[in-house]
Protein backbone atom coordinates (compact mmCIF):
# COMPACT_ATOMS: atom_id res chain seq x y z
CA MET A 1 34.61 8.79 -35.60
CA SER A 2 32.22 5.92 -35.01
CA GLY A 3 28.75 5.72 -36.52
CA GLU A 4 27.26 5.27 -33.06
CA VAL A 5 24.60 7.78 -32.03
CA GLN A 6 24.60 8.85 -28.40
CA LEU A 7 21.07 8.98 -26.99
CA PRO A 8 20.11 11.97 -24.87
CA PRO A 9 19.87 11.24 -21.13
CA ALA A 10 16.06 11.73 -21.14
CA VAL A 11 15.67 9.10 -23.88
CA GLN A 12 18.01 6.72 -22.03
CA GLU A 13 15.90 7.15 -18.89
CA ARG A 14 12.71 6.44 -20.84
CA LEU A 15 14.24 3.31 -22.34
CA LEU A 16 15.27 2.13 -18.88
CA ARG A 17 11.80 2.91 -17.52
CA LEU A 18 10.22 1.00 -20.41
CA GLN A 19 12.38 -2.02 -19.66
CA GLN A 20 11.44 -1.87 -15.96
CA LEU A 21 7.72 -1.65 -16.81
CA GLN A 22 7.99 -4.61 -19.19
CA GLU A 23 9.74 -6.68 -16.51
CA THR A 24 7.07 -5.76 -13.96
CA LEU A 25 4.37 -6.68 -16.47
CA GLN A 26 6.00 -10.06 -17.03
CA THR A 27 6.08 -10.68 -13.27
CA ILE A 28 2.40 -9.80 -12.98
CA LEU A 29 1.49 -12.08 -15.89
CA THR A 30 3.41 -14.94 -14.24
CA GLN A 31 1.62 -14.35 -10.92
CA LYS A 32 -1.76 -14.30 -12.69
CA GLN A 33 -0.96 -17.55 -14.44
CA GLN A 34 0.00 -19.20 -11.13
CA LEU A 35 -3.22 -17.97 -9.50
CA ASP A 36 -5.30 -19.19 -12.45
CA LEU A 37 -3.74 -22.63 -12.03
CA GLU A 38 -4.46 -22.54 -8.29
CA ILE A 39 -8.10 -21.62 -8.97
CA LEU A 40 -8.35 -24.47 -11.47
CA GLU A 41 -6.97 -26.92 -8.88
CA ILE A 42 -9.38 -25.64 -6.23
CA ASP A 43 -12.30 -26.00 -8.65
CA ARG A 44 -11.30 -29.62 -9.33
CA ALA A 45 -11.03 -30.35 -5.61
CA LEU A 46 -14.42 -28.74 -4.90
CA SER A 47 -15.95 -30.72 -7.75
CA GLU A 48 -14.65 -33.97 -6.27
CA LEU A 49 -15.84 -32.96 -2.81
CA GLU A 50 -19.37 -32.43 -4.17
CA LYS A 51 -19.40 -36.04 -5.36
CA ALA A 52 -18.24 -37.38 -1.99
CA PRO A 53 -20.76 -38.28 0.72
CA ASP A 54 -20.87 -35.99 3.75
CA ASP A 55 -19.32 -38.67 5.98
CA ALA A 56 -16.44 -39.43 3.60
CA VAL A 57 -12.96 -39.59 5.11
CA ILE A 58 -11.04 -36.64 3.68
CA TYR A 59 -7.42 -35.69 4.17
CA LYS A 60 -5.75 -32.39 3.43
CA SER A 61 -2.09 -31.91 2.72
CA ILE A 62 -0.14 -29.70 5.09
CA GLY A 63 3.50 -29.71 4.11
CA SER A 64 4.58 -33.35 4.05
CA LEU A 65 1.65 -34.45 6.25
CA LEU A 66 -1.86 -35.58 5.45
CA ILE A 67 -4.34 -34.48 8.11
CA LYS A 68 -7.83 -35.93 8.45
CA THR A 69 -10.56 -33.31 8.13
CA ASP A 70 -14.29 -33.16 7.51
CA LYS A 71 -15.96 -32.30 4.23
CA ALA A 72 -17.64 -29.09 5.42
CA ARG A 73 -14.43 -27.63 6.85
CA ILE A 74 -12.29 -28.36 3.79
CA THR A 75 -15.03 -27.14 1.44
CA SER A 76 -15.17 -23.88 3.38
CA GLU A 77 -11.36 -23.51 3.35
CA LEU A 78 -11.14 -24.19 -0.39
CA THR A 79 -13.98 -21.78 -1.17
CA GLU A 80 -12.23 -19.08 0.88
CA ARG A 81 -8.91 -19.74 -0.88
CA LYS A 82 -10.65 -19.53 -4.25
CA GLU A 83 -12.29 -16.20 -3.36
CA LEU A 84 -8.94 -14.80 -2.21
CA ALA A 85 -7.15 -16.00 -5.35
CA THR A 86 -9.92 -14.55 -7.52
CA MET A 87 -9.61 -11.18 -5.78
CA ARG A 88 -5.83 -11.25 -6.28
CA VAL A 89 -6.32 -12.01 -9.98
CA SER A 90 -8.66 -9.03 -10.20
CA VAL A 91 -6.07 -6.74 -8.58
CA LEU A 92 -3.32 -8.07 -10.85
CA THR A 93 -5.54 -7.55 -13.90
CA LYS A 94 -5.98 -3.89 -12.95
CA GLN A 95 -2.23 -3.54 -12.46
CA GLU A 96 -1.66 -5.22 -15.81
CA GLU A 97 -4.01 -2.81 -17.58
CA ARG A 98 -2.32 0.18 -15.93
CA LEU A 99 1.13 -1.10 -16.90
CA ARG A 100 0.10 -1.80 -20.49
CA SER A 101 -1.21 1.76 -20.72
CA GLN A 102 2.04 3.18 -19.29
CA ILE A 103 4.11 1.04 -21.65
CA LYS A 104 2.09 2.17 -24.66
CA GLU A 105 2.42 5.82 -23.65
CA LEU A 106 6.16 5.46 -23.10
CA GLN A 107 6.62 3.68 -26.43
CA GLU A 108 4.83 6.51 -28.21
CA LYS A 109 7.06 9.09 -26.51
CA LEU A 110 10.15 7.11 -27.44
CA GLN A 111 9.04 6.86 -31.06
CA LYS A 112 8.70 10.65 -31.14
CA ASP A 113 12.09 11.04 -29.45
CA LEU A 114 13.80 8.71 -31.89
CA ARG A 115 12.08 9.89 -35.06
CA PRO A 116 14.36 12.94 -35.57
CA MET A 117 17.43 10.73 -35.15
CA THR A 118 16.35 8.31 -37.88
CA GLN A 119 15.66 11.19 -40.29
CA ALA A 120 19.10 12.76 -39.82
């Protein structure tokens, strides 16, 4: 007879669900970090554009090409990209909060499930 305790199927399912939620949370945190970096880059680019005269020659990178563009157009594109990234961060933050709540709730249930086993 081994000293191994077999977990009930419901507890095993909760443990699996907890692991899935934690992996999803990690993915969301990684996406948020990438978007925050993108926003930071856009802010730097917009800051440099503000310093440039209106008739400055500006190039934007498209794949492996640099394409000549005007200041107003690239400023507009960058501002739009920043707004979109900021909205995505907001959505991810809401998802993160929801996941953290679900994880906490599941952890509490698991602690209750496992408590009788540790007292035996």
